[in-house]
C-alpha cells in the first residue's frame, strides 16, 4: 500500500505524496459509490457520502504537512480512535 500512497522517506521522516494519496482515497470510495447506486439514492446524497471522507482525509493530510506519522495521529484523533504509530500500524485500522 505504501507505493499507492507514494510513501517516501526524507530527512528521517515518512511522507505521503499529495497527488497519489488523494487519488488513493478517491478509489477507496468506490465501494461507497456502488452501495449508493444499489440503493438508488439521490445524486446529491451520493456525492456527499463520497466527498466528505475524501475532503476530510485530504484536509487532515494537509494539516499534517503530508507527514505520515502526523497524519495518522490527527486522523486517529479526528475519528476518536487511539493514535497509531507510523512504524507499527494497527491491523484493525
PDB file of N, CA and C in Angstrom:
ATOM      1  N   UNK A   1       0.816  -1.196   0.000  1.00  0.00           N
ATOM      2  CA  UNK A   1       0.000   0.000   0.000  1.00  0.00           C
ATOM      3  C   UNK A   1       0.856   1.255   0.000  1.00  0.00           C
ATOM      4  N   UNK A   2       2.056   1.163   0.518  1.00  0.00           N
ATOM      5  CA  UNK A   2       2.906   2.357   0.598  1.00  0.00           C
ATOM      6  C   UNK A   2       3.134   2.973  -0.779  1.00  0.00           C
ATOM      7  N   UNK A   3       3.347   2.163  -1.782  1.00  0.00           N
ATOM      8  CA  UNK A   3       3.614   2.731  -3.105  1.00  0.00           C
ATOM      9  C   UNK A   3       2.371   3.374  -3.707  1.00  0.00           C
ATOM     10  N   UNK A   4       1.167   2.888  -3.343  1.00  0.00           N
ATOM     11  CA  UNK A   4      -0.062   3.502  -3.851  1.00  0.00           C
ATOM     12  C   UNK A   4      -0.253   4.921  -3.322  1.00  0.00           C
ATOM     13  N   UNK A   5       0.169   5.150  -2.086  1.00  0.00           N
ATOM     14  CA  UNK A   5       0.040   6.474  -1.478  1.00  0.00           C
ATOM     15  C   UNK A   5       1.299   7.314  -1.693  1.00  0.00           C
ATOM     16  N   UNK A   6       2.285   6.754  -2.377  1.00  0.00           N
ATOM     17  CA  UNK A   6       3.516   7.491  -2.630  1.00  0.00           C
ATOM     18  C   UNK A   6       4.307   7.762  -1.363  1.00  0.00           C
ATOM     19  N   UNK A   7       4.283   6.813  -0.438  1.00  0.00           N
ATOM     20  CA  UNK A   7       5.009   6.992   0.819  1.00  0.00           C
ATOM     21  C   UNK A   7       6.506   6.961   0.530  1.00  0.00           C
ATOM     22  N   UNK A   8       7.217   7.958   1.093  1.00  0.00           N
ATOM     23  CA  UNK A   8       8.659   8.023   0.895  1.00  0.00           C
ATOM     24  C   UNK A   8       9.318   8.583   2.152  1.00  0.00           C
ATOM     25  N   UNK A   9      10.605   8.355   2.260  1.00  0.00           N
ATOM     26  CA  UNK A   9      11.372   8.798   3.420  1.00  0.00           C
ATOM     27  C   UNK A   9      12.274   9.958   2.993  1.00  0.00           C
ATOM     28  N   UNK A  10      12.350  10.969   3.864  1.00  0.00           N
ATOM     29  CA  UNK A  10      13.233  12.103   3.617  1.00  0.00           C
ATOM     30  C   UNK A  10      13.594  12.740   4.951  1.00  0.00           C
ATOM     31  N   UNK A  11      14.873  12.894   5.194  1.00  0.00           N
ATOM     32  CA  UNK A  11      15.329  13.520   6.425  1.00  0.00           C
ATOM     33  C   UNK A  11      14.867  12.819   7.679  1.00  0.00           C
ATOM     34  N   UNK A  12      14.743  11.503   7.618  1.00  0.00           N
ATOM     35  CA  UNK A  12      14.322  10.732   8.779  1.00  0.00           C
ATOM     36  C   UNK A  12      12.824  10.749   9.035  1.00  0.00           C
ATOM     37  N   UNK A  13      12.047  11.356   8.129  1.00  0.00           N
ATOM     38  CA  UNK A  13      10.590  11.390   8.275  1.00  0.00           C
ATOM     39  C   UNK A  13       9.954  10.672   7.091  1.00  0.00           C
ATOM     40  N   UNK A  14       8.732  10.186   7.319  1.00  0.00           N
ATOM     41  CA  UNK A  14       7.993   9.477   6.282  1.00  0.00           C
ATOM     42  C   UNK A  14       6.875  10.387   5.782  1.00  0.00           C
ATOM     43  N   UNK A  15       6.834  10.580   4.474  1.00  0.00           N
ATOM     44  CA  UNK A  15       5.864  11.485   3.870  1.00  0.00           C
ATOM     45  C   UNK A  15       4.951  10.757   2.890  1.00  0.00           C
ATOM     46  N   UNK A  16       3.764  11.356   2.673  1.00  0.00           N
ATOM     47  CA  UNK A  16       2.821  10.905   1.654  1.00  0.00           C
ATOM     48  C   UNK A  16       2.974  11.801   0.435  1.00  0.00           C
ATOM     49  N   UNK A  17       2.830  11.232  -0.750  1.00  0.00           N
ATOM     50  CA  UNK A  17       2.772  12.037  -1.961  1.00  0.00           C
ATOM     51  C   UNK A  17       1.357  12.578  -2.082  1.00  0.00           C
ATOM     52  N   UNK A  18       1.206  13.900  -2.150  1.00  0.00           N
ATOM     53  CA  UNK A  18      -0.109  14.547  -2.139  1.00  0.00           C
ATOM     54  C   UNK A  18      -1.040  13.977  -3.209  1.00  0.00           C
ATOM     55  N   UNK A  19      -0.605  13.978  -4.449  1.00  0.00           N
ATOM     56  CA  UNK A  19      -1.464  13.553  -5.552  1.00  0.00           C
ATOM     57  C   UNK A  19      -1.818  12.073  -5.460  1.00  0.00           C
ATOM     58  N   UNK A  20      -0.826  11.230  -5.161  1.00  0.00           N
ATOM     59  CA  UNK A  20      -1.103   9.796  -5.060  1.00  0.00           C
ATOM     60  C   UNK A  20      -2.019   9.492  -3.885  1.00  0.00           C
ATOM     61  N   UNK A  21      -1.825  10.184  -2.769  1.00  0.00           N
ATOM     62  CA  UNK A  21      -2.663   9.989  -1.592  1.00  0.00           C
ATOM     63  C   UNK A  21      -4.109  10.354  -1.907  1.00  0.00           C
ATOM     64  N   UNK A  22      -4.312  11.506  -2.543  1.00  0.00           N
ATOM     65  CA  UNK A  22      -5.670  11.939  -2.878  1.00  0.00           C
ATOM     66  C   UNK A  22      -6.335  10.985  -3.867  1.00  0.00           C
ATOM     67  N   UNK A  23      -5.578  10.497  -4.838  1.00  0.00           N
ATOM     68  CA  UNK A  23      -6.142   9.547  -5.799  1.00  0.00           C
ATOM     69  C   UNK A  23      -6.511   8.236  -5.106  1.00  0.00           C
ATOM     70  N   UNK A  24      -5.653   7.761  -4.212  1.00  0.00           N
ATOM     71  CA  UNK A  24      -5.933   6.532  -3.472  1.00  0.00           C
ATOM     72  C   UNK A  24      -7.212   6.667  -2.663  1.00  0.00           C
ATOM     73  N   UNK A  25      -7.399   7.785  -1.946  1.00  0.00           N
ATOM     74  CA  UNK A  25      -8.615   7.992  -1.165  1.00  0.00           C
ATOM     75  C   UNK A  25      -9.841   8.035  -2.055  1.00  0.00           C
ATOM     76  N   UNK A  26      -9.691   8.584  -3.250  1.00  0.00           N
ATOM     77  CA  UNK A  26     -10.812   8.587  -4.187  1.00  0.00           C
ATOM     78  C   UNK A  26     -11.212   7.170  -4.581  1.00  0.00           C
ATOM     79  N   UNK A  27     -10.219   6.351  -4.895  1.00  0.00           N
ATOM     80  CA  UNK A  27     -10.511   4.968  -5.289  1.00  0.00           C
ATOM     81  C   UNK A  27     -11.080   4.164  -4.122  1.00  0.00           C
ATOM     82  N   UNK A  28     -10.677   4.491  -2.908  1.00  0.00           N
ATOM     83  CA  UNK A  28     -11.211   3.775  -1.752  1.00  0.00           C
ATOM     84  C   UNK A  28     -12.698   4.038  -1.539  1.00  0.00           C
ATOM     85  N   UNK A  29     -13.226   5.067  -2.172  1.00  0.00           N
ATOM     86  CA  UNK A  29     -14.645   5.390  -2.037  1.00  0.00           C
ATOM     87  C   UNK A  29     -15.516   4.669  -3.070  1.00  0.00           C
ATOM     88  N   UNK A  30     -14.916   3.911  -3.978  1.00  0.00           N
ATOM     89  CA  UNK A  30     -15.698   3.186  -4.991  1.00  0.00           C
ATOM     90  C   UNK A  30     -16.745   2.267  -4.352  1.00  0.00           C
ATOM     91  N   UNK A  31     -16.429   1.511  -3.297  1.00  0.00           N
ATOM     92  CA  UNK A  31     -17.482   0.681  -2.686  1.00  0.00           C
ATOM     93  C   UNK A  31     -18.674   1.502  -2.187  1.00  0.00           C
ATOM     94  N   UNK A  32     -18.406   2.708  -1.696  1.00  0.00           N
ATOM     95  CA  UNK A  32     -19.498   3.585  -1.247  1.00  0.00           C
ATOM     96  C   UNK A  32     -20.373   3.964  -2.440  1.00  0.00           C
ATOM     97  N   UNK A  33     -19.740   4.296  -3.558  1.00  0.00           N
ATOM     98  CA  UNK A  33     -20.498   4.643  -4.761  1.00  0.00           C
ATOM     99  C   UNK A  33     -21.363   3.474  -5.233  1.00  0.00           C
ATOM    100  N   UNK A  34     -20.811   2.275  -5.186  1.00  0.00           N
ATOM    101  CA  UNK A  34     -21.567   1.091  -5.591  1.00  0.00           C
ATOM    102  C   UNK A  34     -22.763   0.890  -4.659  1.00  0.00           C
ATOM    103  N   UNK A  35     -22.539   1.043  -3.364  1.00  0.00           N
ATOM    104  CA  UNK A  35     -23.635   0.881  -2.399  1.00  0.00           C
ATOM    105  C   UNK A  35     -24.721   1.923  -2.625  1.00  0.00           C
ATOM    106  N   UNK A  36     -24.327   3.145  -2.905  1.00  0.00           N
ATOM    107  CA  UNK A  36     -25.292   4.208  -3.161  1.00  0.00           C
ATOM    108  C   UNK A  36     -26.080   3.899  -4.423  1.00  0.00           C
ATOM    109  N   UNK A  37     -25.388   3.435  -5.453  1.00  0.00           N
ATOM    110  CA  UNK A  37     -26.074   3.092  -6.704  1.00  0.00           C
ATOM    111  C   UNK A  37     -27.062   1.951  -6.487  1.00  0.00           C
ATOM    112  N   UNK A  38     -26.672   0.975  -5.675  1.00  0.00           N
ATOM    113  CA  UNK A  38     -27.562  -0.146  -5.392  1.00  0.00           C
ATOM    114  C   UNK A  38     -28.804   0.299  -4.624  1.00  0.00           C
ATOM    115  N   UNK A  39     -28.654   1.303  -3.778  1.00  0.00           N
ATOM    116  CA  UNK A  39     -29.792   1.821  -3.026  1.00  0.00           C
ATOM    117  C   UNK A  39     -30.618   2.789  -3.860  1.00  0.00           C
ATOM    118  N   UNK A  40     -30.089   3.135  -5.026  1.00  0.00           N
ATOM    119  CA  UNK A  40     -30.743   4.101  -5.915  1.00  0.00           C
ATOM    120  C   UNK A  40     -30.986   5.414  -5.180  1.00  0.00           C
ATOM    121  N   UNK A  41     -29.939   5.849  -4.461  1.00  0.00           N
ATOM    122  CA  UNK A  41     -30.026   7.097  -3.698  1.00  0.00           C
ATOM    123  C   UNK A  41     -30.014   8.280  -4.657  1.00  0.00           C
ATOM    124  N   UNK A  42     -30.431   9.413  -4.176  1.00  0.00           N
ATOM    125  CA  UNK A  42     -30.426  10.621  -4.993  1.00  0.00           C
ATOM    126  C   UNK A  42     -28.987  11.029  -5.282  1.00  0.00           C
ATOM    127  N   UNK A  43     -28.767  11.736  -6.362  1.00  0.00           N
ATOM    128  CA  UNK A  43     -27.422  12.149  -6.764  1.00  0.00           C
ATOM    129  C   UNK A  43     -26.771  13.024  -5.698  1.00  0.00           C
ATOM    130  N   UNK A  44     -27.532  13.878  -5.053  1.00  0.00           N
ATOM    131  CA  UNK A  44     -26.976  14.757  -4.033  1.00  0.00           C
ATOM    132  C   UNK A  44     -26.416  14.003  -2.856  1.00  0.00           C
ATOM    133  N   UNK A  45     -27.127  13.009  -2.356  1.00  0.00           N
ATOM    134  CA  UNK A  45     -26.652  12.278  -1.191  1.00  0.00           C
ATOM    135  C   UNK A  45     -25.454  11.407  -1.532  1.00  0.00           C
ATOM    136  N   UNK A  46     -25.393  10.862  -2.747  1.00  0.00           N
ATOM    137  CA  UNK A  46     -24.254  10.030  -3.115  1.00  0.00           C
ATOM    138  C   UNK A  46     -22.993  10.875  -3.190  1.00  0.00           C
ATOM    139  N   UNK A  47     -23.110  12.081  -3.703  1.00  0.00           N
ATOM    140  CA  UNK A  47     -21.955  12.959  -3.802  1.00  0.00           C
ATOM    141  C   UNK A  47     -21.444  13.298  -2.405  1.00  0.00           C
ATOM    142  N   UNK A  48     -22.341  13.596  -1.498  1.00  0.00           N
ATOM    143  CA  UNK A  48     -21.957  13.959  -0.141  1.00  0.00           C
ATOM    144  C   UNK A  48     -21.288  12.784   0.559  1.00  0.00           C
ATOM    145  N   UNK A  49     -21.858  11.593   0.432  1.00  0.00           N
ATOM    146  CA  UNK A  49     -21.298  10.409   1.094  1.00  0.00           C
ATOM    147  C   UNK A  49     -19.875  10.139   0.638  1.00  0.00           C
ATOM    148  N   UNK A  50     -19.554  10.472  -0.587  1.00  0.00           N
ATOM    149  CA  UNK A  50     -18.223  10.206  -1.124  1.00  0.00           C
ATOM    150  C   UNK A  50     -17.293  11.384  -0.877  1.00  0.00           C
ATOM    151  N   UNK A  51     -17.771  12.604  -1.060  1.00  0.00           N
ATOM    152  CA  UNK A  51     -16.912  13.776  -0.950  1.00  0.00           C
ATOM    153  C   UNK A  51     -16.452  14.059   0.469  1.00  0.00           C
ATOM    154  N   UNK A  52     -17.303  13.829   1.457  1.00  0.00           N
ATOM    155  CA  UNK A  52     -16.936  14.157   2.833  1.00  0.00           C
ATOM    156  C   UNK A  52     -15.715  13.355   3.304  1.00  0.00           C
ATOM    157  N   UNK A  53     -15.683  12.031   3.148  1.00  0.00           N
ATOM    158  CA  UNK A  53     -14.485  11.304   3.597  1.00  0.00           C
ATOM    159  C   UNK A  53     -13.219  11.708   2.832  1.00  0.00           C
ATOM    160  N   UNK A  54     -13.343  11.956   1.540  1.00  0.00           N
ATOM    161  CA  UNK A  54     -12.180  12.356   0.748  1.00  0.00           C
ATOM    162  C   UNK A  54     -11.679  13.720   1.215  1.00  0.00           C
ATOM    163  N   UNK A  55     -12.585  14.670   1.365  1.00  0.00           N
ATOM    164  CA  UNK A  55     -12.201  16.011   1.806  1.00  0.00           C
ATOM    165  C   UNK A  55     -11.576  15.982   3.192  1.00  0.00           C
ATOM    166  N   UNK A  56     -12.148  15.184   4.089  1.00  0.00           N
ATOM    167  CA  UNK A  56     -11.617  15.095   5.449  1.00  0.00           C
ATOM    168  C   UNK A  56     -10.208  14.514   5.455  1.00  0.00           C
ATOM    169  N   UNK A  57      -9.981  13.470   4.681  1.00  0.00           N
ATOM    170  CA  UNK A  57      -8.651  12.851   4.630  1.00  0.00           C
ATOM    171  C   UNK A  57      -7.639  13.803   4.008  1.00  0.00           C
ATOM    172  N   UNK A  58      -8.021  14.482   2.954  1.00  0.00           N
ATOM    173  CA  UNK A  58      -7.107  15.415   2.283  1.00  0.00           C
ATOM    174  C   UNK A  58      -6.784  16.603   3.184  1.00  0.00           C
ATOM    175  N   UNK A  59      -7.777  17.107   3.897  1.00  0.00           N
ATOM    176  CA  UNK A  59      -7.553  18.220   4.829  1.00  0.00           C
ATOM    177  C   UNK A  59      -6.647  17.782   5.975  1.00  0.00           C
ATOM    178  N   UNK A  60      -6.856  16.588   6.490  1.00  0.00           N
ATOM    179  CA  UNK A  60      -6.024  16.076   7.579  1.00  0.00           C
ATOM    180  C   UNK A  60      -4.585  15.894   7.110  1.00  0.00           C
ATOM    181  N   UNK A  61      -4.405  15.366   5.898  1.00  0.00           N
ATOM    182  CA  UNK A  61      -3.053  15.195   5.345  1.00  0.00           C
ATOM    183  C   UNK A  61      -2.372  16.549   5.167  1.00  0.00           C
ATOM    184  N   UNK A  62      -3.127  17.544   4.695  1.00  0.00           N
ATOM    185  CA  UNK A  62      -2.570  18.882   4.511  1.00  0.00           C
ATOM    186  C   UNK A  62      -2.141  19.459   5.861  1.00  0.00           C
ATOM    187  N   UNK A  63      -3.002  19.317   6.871  1.00  0.00           N
ATOM    188  CA  UNK A  63      -2.673  19.809   8.218  1.00  0.00           C
ATOM    189  C   UNK A  63      -1.414  19.136   8.764  1.00  0.00           C
ATOM    190  N   UNK A  64      -1.209  17.881   8.406  1.00  0.00           N
ATOM    191  CA  UNK A  64      -0.048  17.121   8.872  1.00  0.00           C
ATOM    192  C   UNK A  64       1.196  17.409   8.046  1.00  0.00           C
ATOM    193  N   UNK A  65       1.068  18.261   7.037  1.00  0.00           N
ATOM    194  CA  UNK A  65       2.206  18.534   6.170  1.00  0.00           C
ATOM    195  C   UNK A  65       2.604  17.313   5.360  1.00  0.00           C
ATOM    196  N   UNK A  66       1.652  16.431   5.121  1.00  0.00           N
ATOM    197  CA  UNK A  66       1.838  15.175   4.389  1.00  0.00           C
ATOM    198  C   UNK A  66       2.862  14.260   5.046  1.00  0.00           C
ATOM    199  N   UNK A  67       3.086  14.464   6.352  1.00  0.00           N
ATOM    200  CA  UNK A  67       3.950  13.586   7.121  1.00  0.00           C
ATOM    201  C   UNK A  67       3.082  12.440   7.652  1.00  0.00           C
ATOM    202  N   UNK A  68       3.440  11.221   7.332  1.00  0.00           N
ATOM    203  CA  UNK A  68       2.617  10.058   7.642  1.00  0.00           C
ATOM    204  C   UNK A  68       2.311   9.925   9.129  1.00  0.00           C
ATOM    205  N   UNK A  69       3.305  10.035   9.978  1.00  0.00           N
ATOM    206  CA  UNK A  69       3.086   9.894  11.414  1.00  0.00           C
ATOM    207  C   UNK A  69       2.110  10.918  11.959  1.00  0.00           C
ATOM    208  N   UNK A  70       2.268  12.168  11.525  1.00  0.00           N
ATOM    209  CA  UNK A  70       1.353  13.223  11.972  1.00  0.00           C
ATOM    210  C   UNK A  70      -0.047  12.987  11.420  1.00  0.00           C
ATOM    211  N   UNK A  71      -0.139  12.535  10.157  1.00  0.00           N
ATOM    212  CA  UNK A  71      -1.447  12.244   9.569  1.00  0.00           C
ATOM    213  C   UNK A  71      -2.174  11.187  10.383  1.00  0.00           C
ATOM    214  N   UNK A  72      -1.482  10.096  10.700  1.00  0.00           N
ATOM    215  CA  UNK A  72      -2.113   9.016  11.458  1.00  0.00           C
ATOM    216  C   UNK A  72      -2.557   9.491  12.840  1.00  0.00           C
ATOM    217  N   UNK A  73      -1.751  10.336  13.461  1.00  0.00           N
ATOM    218  CA  UNK A  73      -2.113  10.877  14.767  1.00  0.00           C
ATOM    219  C   UNK A  73      -3.362  11.756  14.665  1.00  0.00           C
ATOM    220  N   UNK A  74      -3.366  12.686  13.711  1.00  0.00           N
ATOM    221  CA  UNK A  74      -4.514  13.577  13.538  1.00  0.00           C
ATOM    222  C   UNK A  74      -5.759  12.812  13.110  1.00  0.00           C
ATOM    223  N   UNK A  75      -5.602  11.853  12.219  1.00  0.00           N
ATOM    224  CA  UNK A  75      -6.739  11.068  11.734  1.00  0.00           C
ATOM    225  C   UNK A  75      -7.340  10.258  12.877  1.00  0.00           C
ATOM    226  N   UNK A  76      -6.480   9.692  13.726  1.00  0.00           N
ATOM    227  CA  UNK A  76      -6.961   8.939  14.884  1.00  0.00           C
ATOM    228  C   UNK A  76      -7.720   9.820  15.849  1.00  0.00           C
ATOM    229  N   UNK A  77      -7.230  11.051  16.067  1.00  0.00           N
ATOM    230  CA  UNK A  77      -7.922  11.983  16.960  1.00  0.00           C
ATOM    231  C   UNK A  77      -9.246  12.413  16.335  1.00  0.00           C
ATOM    232  N   UNK A  78      -9.268  12.605  15.034  1.00  0.00           N
ATOM    233  CA  UNK A  78     -10.474  13.033  14.334  1.00  0.00           C
ATOM    234  C   UNK A  78     -11.562  11.982  14.438  1.00  0.00           C
ATOM    235  N   UNK A  79     -11.172  10.721  14.289  1.00  0.00           N
ATOM    236  CA  UNK A  79     -12.133   9.622  14.335  1.00  0.00           C
ATOM    237  C   UNK A  79     -12.396   9.123  15.747  1.00  0.00           C
ATOM    238  N   UNK A  80     -11.742   9.719  16.748  1.00  0.00           N
ATOM    239  CA  UNK A  80     -11.946   9.297  18.121  1.00  0.00           C
ATOM    240  C   UNK A  80     -11.280   7.976  18.456  1.00  0.00           C
ATOM    241  N   UNK A  81     -10.298   7.595  17.649  1.00  0.00           N
ATOM    242  CA  UNK A  81      -9.573   6.348  17.907  1.00  0.00           C
ATOM    243  C   UNK A  81      -8.268   6.671  18.605  1.00  0.00           C
ATOM    244  N   UNK A  82      -7.647   5.638  19.121  1.00  0.00           N
ATOM    245  CA  UNK A  82      -6.312   5.814  19.674  1.00  0.00           C
ATOM    246  C   UNK A  82      -5.371   6.126  18.522  1.00  0.00           C
ATOM    247  N   UNK A  83      -4.303   6.862  18.800  1.00  0.00           N
ATOM    248  CA  UNK A  83      -3.357   7.189  17.743  1.00  0.00           C
ATOM    249  C   UNK A  83      -2.601   5.939  17.326  1.00  0.00           C
ATOM    250  N   UNK A  84      -2.113   5.957  16.103  1.00  0.00           N
ATOM    251  CA  UNK A  84      -1.414   4.819  15.524  1.00  0.00           C
ATOM    252  C   UNK A  84      -0.011   5.257  15.166  1.00  0.00           C
ATOM    253  N   UNK A  85       0.956   4.440  15.484  1.00  0.00           N
ATOM    254  CA  UNK A  85       2.338   4.733  15.134  1.00  0.00           C
ATOM    255  C   UNK A  85       2.558   4.461  13.660  1.00  0.00           C
ATOM    256  N   UNK A  86       3.276   5.329  12.976  1.00  0.00           N
ATOM    257  CA  UNK A  86       3.577   5.128  11.558  1.00  0.00           C
ATOM    258  C   UNK A  86       4.488   3.926  11.361  1.00  0.00           C
ATOM    259  N   UNK A  87       5.304   3.616  12.365  1.00  0.00           N
ATOM    260  CA  UNK A  87       6.235   2.498  12.263  1.00  0.00           C
ATOM    261  C   UNK A  87       5.536   1.156  12.491  1.00  0.00           C
ATOM    262  N   UNK A  88       4.494   1.147  13.339  1.00  0.00           N
ATOM    263  CA  UNK A  88       3.792  -0.086  13.660  1.00  0.00           C
ATOM    264  C   UNK A  88       2.297   0.113  13.514  1.00  0.00           C
ATOM    265  N   UNK A  89       1.791   0.176  12.255  1.00  0.00           N
ATOM    266  CA  UNK A  89       0.360   0.400  12.076  1.00  0.00           C
ATOM    267  C   UNK A  89      -0.464  -0.750  12.609  1.00  0.00           C
ATOM    268  N   UNK A  90      -1.618  -0.404  13.158  1.00  0.00           N
ATOM    269  CA  UNK A  90      -2.536  -1.396  13.691  1.00  0.00           C
ATOM    270  C   UNK A  90      -3.243  -2.107  12.548  1.00  0.00           C
ATOM    271  N   UNK A  91      -3.433  -3.400  12.659  1.00  0.00           N
ATOM    272  CA  UNK A  91      -4.127  -4.169  11.639  1.00  0.00           C
ATOM    273  C   UNK A  91      -5.596  -3.822  11.604  1.00  0.00           C
ATOM    274  N   UNK A  92      -6.187  -3.480  12.751  1.00  0.00           N
ATOM    275  CA  UNK A  92      -7.620  -3.223  12.820  1.00  0.00           C
ATOM    276  C   UNK A  92      -8.017  -1.908  12.170  1.00  0.00           C
ATOM    277  N   UNK A  93      -7.088  -1.025  11.873  1.00  0.00           N
ATOM    278  CA  UNK A  93      -7.431   0.249  11.264  1.00  0.00           C
ATOM    279  C   UNK A  93      -7.095   0.146   9.841  1.00  0.00           C
TER     280      UNK A  93
END
